[in-house]
């Protein structure tokens, strides 16, 4: 992988206001692009919004605007021009020629940040797969498409070898990474099955990038996963155990942050990671309560959940960062969505209420049963301790070598209690 340049690249951001996109939305989108550019290590020195009914097929913003952009870039000493949309290979080629600068689009920028953030082998594979799939159609028979991949933002990832790569070699590499990722998916699936056999409910944290998921994860699990005020810090899913007040256990997983117009190549590449969400018993949708773009962010998260087949997973909206909003706004949020949780992951406020809500939701599918165990049998003693982990025990009475427990037990666990040992050794359930 190329070494990260220590020189900060000066970037120009370019957005388009079309008939389908209001100026205020284009402005907000450009603000988000500025955050992405900073996360990739650039400093934003120029912003430009062009209004036209639809993108120009040759240069995206039209020949006149390209000329004025070239002059502005020369004056501001710009190294890199970032477009807030996905450009076609032809548009990229034209723009590079006319601007005489490196040009990248929103997708490349996001891929670049992911490339910087990936820590595990799996995370790196997923990013490389997305980058190669993005690169493949852009190799269209010209050496120039590759000549700009020498270094800096938008060029990290698959490594220097791509300078002499042809399509065939990229395809071979894509197949090889895909095989590795398929193995990871199979392993994850086995782990999930094992967890389900233990009947420990799984709660997945989802949300827009920088909504505070990892801070909440750390607060819930007493972990110290890297949390920071930057975009896409968590790429690799973390799964940790949480023990509730009543001694039941939960597994909590932290996932990659979502973003509006998350590149399809990335959603596909991170499918193995996002499957954690689709298989969870409950999802916590962590929302930055203080963000002016809150509604747009929530809609973007729901779209990605749909895309990864997680739309049916029970969901609690968790408004985070309530320490940053006033009491009136808190009341308004609670009134608009009484089933939501209001928390501050930073201060811990509202966390106890959230844990109680989670406990109530994951225990929805329970039945109150009374079970008799034989305390002289190792297997029964094991079952008792397991019961304490997964159920809410109401009463426990031990007399004459018998243990009678009344508990609210998840239905999927009842079957296991009654079917593990057949015949006379079976625990008595009623």
Foldseek 3Di string as FASTA:
>chain_A
DDDADPDAFEEEEEEEAAPVHDPVRRVVLSVVVCQLSVLQRHHYQYYYYAYDNFADLQQGRDDVVLQVVLVVCVVSVGAEYEYADQHALRNLVNSCVSSVHHYYYPQLSVLSSQCVQDDDPLSLLLSQLLLLVVCLNNPPVDLVSLVVLPHHRSNDHPDPVVNPDDNVVSVVSNVVSVVVNVVVLVVVVVVLVVVVVLVAAEEEEAFAFQLCQVLLVCLQAVDCQDDDNGGFNDDAKDWGWGQAPLRAIHIYIYHTHFHAPNDPSSLVSCLSRCVSLLSGQEYEYRFALPDPCRVVRVVRRCVSCVVSNNNPRHYAYEHEPCVVDDPVSVVVVCVVPVRHFYYYSVVGPRVNVVVVSVVCSSLVQWDKKKWKAQQVDPVRVVVVVSCSHAWRWDDWDDDDRMIITITTHHPVVVCVLQPVDDDPNRIDMD
